[in-house]
Amino acid sequence: MAKKRRGKHVPQRTCVGCHRVLPKRQMVRLVRTPEGVRVDLTGRLPGRGAYLHDRRSCWEHALSKGTLARALRVELTQDDIARLQAFLAVLPDDDDDDEEETVKA
């Protein structure tokens, strides 16, 4: 009897803004560093990380409700907030097309 082969493992992460679970590669990683909170586009910076969609609503929710600060276990400084809002400004407007395809955590 032949063994069934499984597909390649795809790491999953939870968005701290909307709590949906998606593949890690579809998320933006934020990392707590000694210099402050940074956007980690490479996904390789050392430090405690948290993940967000590339959707404005998730970023706004995570910043306003404090879920990002809680996930990173840090109090966000004004510089951190300004840096993250600058990144938020370049994000595309929200699309609600993919909401049905994602899995709720």
C-alpha atoms as a PDB file:
ATOM      1  CA  MET A   1       0.000   0.000   0.000  1.00  0.00           C
ATOM      2  CA  ALA A   2       1.468   3.368  -1.032  1.00  0.00           C
ATOM      3  CA  LYS A   3       1.691   6.238   1.432  1.00  0.00           C
ATOM      4  CA  LYS A   4      -0.313   9.370   0.737  1.00  0.00           C
ATOM      5  CA  ARG A   5       1.879  12.423   0.359  1.00  0.00           C
ATOM      6  CA  ARG A   6       0.802  15.582   2.050  1.00  0.00           C
ATOM      7  CA  GLY A   7       1.124  18.959   0.396  1.00  0.00           C
ATOM      8  CA  LYS A   8       3.774  21.394   1.492  1.00  0.00           C
ATOM      9  CA  HIS A   9       3.209  22.928   4.928  1.00  0.00           C
ATOM     10  CA  VAL A  10       2.131  26.577   4.739  1.00  0.00           C
ATOM     11  CA  PRO A  11       2.751  28.537   7.951  1.00  0.00           C
ATOM     12  CA  GLN A  12      -0.352  30.335   9.197  1.00  0.00           C
ATOM     13  CA  ARG A  13      -0.513  33.569  11.226  1.00  0.00           C
ATOM     14  CA  THR A  14      -3.342  35.501  12.864  1.00  0.00           C
ATOM     15  CA  CYS A  15      -3.937  39.166  12.045  1.00  0.00           C
ATOM     16  CA  VAL A  16      -3.969  41.184  15.284  1.00  0.00           C
ATOM     17  CA  GLY A  17      -6.408  43.632  13.671  1.00  0.00           C
ATOM     18  CA  CYS A  18      -9.236  41.350  12.549  1.00  0.00           C
ATOM     19  CA  HIS A  19      -8.168  37.958  14.014  1.00  0.00           C
ATOM     20  CA  ARG A  20      -8.361  36.107  10.701  1.00  0.00           C
ATOM     21  CA  VAL A  21      -5.878  33.330  10.010  1.00  0.00           C
ATOM     22  CA  LEU A  22      -4.010  33.573   6.702  1.00  0.00           C
ATOM     23  CA  PRO A  23      -0.782  32.255   5.213  1.00  0.00           C
ATOM     24  CA  LYS A  24       2.214  34.037   6.694  1.00  0.00           C
ATOM     25  CA  ARG A  25       3.345  35.336   3.293  1.00  0.00           C
ATOM     26  CA  GLN A  26       0.106  37.296   2.832  1.00  0.00           C
ATOM     27  CA  MET A  27       0.670  39.249   6.058  1.00  0.00           C
ATOM     28  CA  VAL A  28       2.886  42.178   7.042  1.00  0.00           C
ATOM     29  CA  ARG A  29       5.122  41.528  10.047  1.00  0.00           C
ATOM     30  CA  LEU A  30       5.747  44.178  12.653  1.00  0.00           C
ATOM     31  CA  VAL A  31       8.595  43.673  15.078  1.00  0.00           C
ATOM     32  CA  ARG A  32       9.558  45.177  18.422  1.00  0.00           C
ATOM     33  CA  THR A  33      13.186  46.295  18.359  1.00  0.00           C
ATOM     34  CA  PRO A  34      15.273  48.311  20.837  1.00  0.00           C
ATOM     35  CA  GLU A  35      14.834  51.304  18.471  1.00  0.00           C
ATOM     36  CA  GLY A  36      11.028  50.929  18.451  1.00  0.00           C
ATOM     37  CA  VAL A  37       8.374  49.121  16.443  1.00  0.00           C
ATOM     38  CA  ARG A  38       9.326  48.546  12.802  1.00  0.00           C
ATOM     39  CA  VAL A  39       7.655  47.122   9.705  1.00  0.00           C
ATOM     40  CA  ASP A  40       9.580  43.974   8.786  1.00  0.00           C
ATOM     41  CA  LEU A  41       9.014  43.344   5.091  1.00  0.00           C
ATOM     42  CA  THR A  42      11.672  40.614   5.011  1.00  0.00           C
ATOM     43  CA  GLY A  43      10.173  38.698   7.936  1.00  0.00           C
ATOM     44  CA  ARG A  44      13.674  38.087   9.299  1.00  0.00           C
ATOM     45  CA  LEU A  45      14.345  40.842  11.835  1.00  0.00           C
ATOM     46  CA  PRO A  46      15.005  39.565  15.354  1.00  0.00           C
ATOM     47  CA  GLY A  47      12.518  40.446  18.054  1.00  0.00           C
ATOM     48  CA  ARG A  48       8.944  39.865  19.078  1.00  0.00           C
ATOM     49  CA  GLY A  49       6.651  40.041  16.063  1.00  0.00           C
ATOM     50  CA  ALA A  50       2.990  40.510  15.224  1.00  0.00           C
ATOM     51  CA  TYR A  51       1.166  40.205  11.916  1.00  0.00           C
ATOM     52  CA  LEU A  52      -1.387  42.389  10.122  1.00  0.00           C
ATOM     53  CA  HIS A  53      -3.167  42.217   6.770  1.00  0.00           C
ATOM     54  CA  ASP A  54      -2.241  44.809   4.219  1.00  0.00           C
ATOM     55  CA  ARG A  55      -5.688  46.337   4.809  1.00  0.00           C
ATOM     56  CA  ARG A  56      -6.305  49.793   6.243  1.00  0.00           C
ATOM     57  CA  SER A  57      -9.130  48.644   8.504  1.00  0.00           C
ATOM     58  CA  CYS A  58      -6.900  46.065  10.226  1.00  0.00           C
ATOM     59  CA  TRP A  59      -4.119  48.594  10.807  1.00  0.00           C
ATOM     60  CA  GLU A  60      -6.522  51.262  12.077  1.00  0.00           C
ATOM     61  CA  HIS A  61      -8.165  48.787  14.432  1.00  0.00           C
ATOM     62  CA  ALA A  62      -4.836  47.459  15.715  1.00  0.00           C
ATOM     63  CA  LEU A  63      -3.540  50.976  16.395  1.00  0.00           C
ATOM     64  CA  SER A  64      -6.708  52.448  17.882  1.00  0.00           C
ATOM     65  CA  LYS A  65      -7.791  49.509  20.060  1.00  0.00           C
ATOM     66  CA  GLY A  66      -4.303  48.665  21.311  1.00  0.00           C
ATOM     67  CA  THR A  67      -4.232  45.097  19.999  1.00  0.00           C
ATOM     68  CA  LEU A  68      -0.887  45.685  18.280  1.00  0.00           C
ATOM     69  CA  ALA A  69       0.739  47.053  21.445  1.00  0.00           C
ATOM     70  CA  ARG A  70      -0.670  44.125  23.424  1.00  0.00           C
ATOM     71  CA  ALA A  71       0.598  41.567  20.907  1.00  0.00           C
ATOM     72  CA  LEU A  72       4.077  43.109  20.895  1.00  0.00           C
ATOM     73  CA  ARG A  73       4.005  43.591  24.682  1.00  0.00           C
ATOM     74  CA  VAL A  74       5.116  47.203  24.353  1.00  0.00           C
ATOM     75  CA  GLU A  75       3.676  50.673  24.767  1.00  0.00           C
ATOM     76  CA  LEU A  76       3.749  52.412  21.401  1.00  0.00           C
ATOM     77  CA  THR A  77       5.553  55.759  21.382  1.00  0.00           C
ATOM     78  CA  GLN A  78       4.465  58.738  19.291  1.00  0.00           C
ATOM     79  CA  ASP A  79       7.369  57.993  16.914  1.00  0.00           C
ATOM     80  CA  ASP A  80       6.182  54.384  16.531  1.00  0.00           C
ATOM     81  CA  ILE A  81       2.626  55.501  15.830  1.00  0.00           C
ATOM     82  CA  ALA A  82       3.784  58.124  13.294  1.00  0.00           C
ATOM     83  CA  ARG A  83       5.981  55.553  11.509  1.00  0.00           C
ATOM     84  CA  LEU A  84       3.159  52.999  11.359  1.00  0.00           C
ATOM     85  CA  GLN A  85       0.615  55.579  10.180  1.00  0.00           C
ATOM     86  CA  ALA A  86       3.017  56.602   7.397  1.00  0.00           C
ATOM     87  CA  PHE A  87       3.096  52.967   6.268  1.00  0.00           C
ATOM     88  CA  LEU A  88      -0.698  52.790   6.639  1.00  0.00           C
ATOM     89  CA  ALA A  89      -1.052  55.749   4.275  1.00  0.00           C
ATOM     90  CA  VAL A  90       0.481  53.786   1.383  1.00  0.00           C
ATOM     91  CA  LEU A  91      -1.776  50.744   1.864  1.00  0.00           C
ATOM     92  CA  PRO A  92      -4.560  50.211  -0.683  1.00  0.00           C
ATOM     93  CA  ASP A  93      -8.179  50.807   0.283  1.00  0.00           C
ATOM     94  CA  ASP A  94      -9.973  47.814   1.762  1.00  0.00           C
ATOM     95  CA  ASP A  95     -11.454  45.128  -0.470  1.00  0.00           C
ATOM     96  CA  ASP A  96     -14.182  43.001   1.071  1.00  0.00           C
ATOM     97  CA  ASP A  97     -13.965  40.383  -1.699  1.00  0.00           C
ATOM     98  CA  ASP A  98     -11.712  37.974   0.191  1.00  0.00           C
ATOM     99  CA  GLU A  99     -13.592  37.959   3.515  1.00  0.00           C
ATOM    100  CA  GLU A 100     -15.529  34.807   2.663  1.00  0.00           C
ATOM    101  CA  GLU A 101     -12.373  32.885   1.708  1.00  0.00           C
ATOM    102  CA  THR A 102     -10.543  33.450   4.984  1.00  0.00           C
ATOM    103  CA  VAL A 103     -10.961  31.301   8.041  1.00  0.00           C
ATOM    104  CA  LYS A 104     -12.028  32.871  11.323  1.00  0.00           C
ATOM    105  CA  ALA A 105      -9.755  32.101  14.266  1.00  0.00           C
END
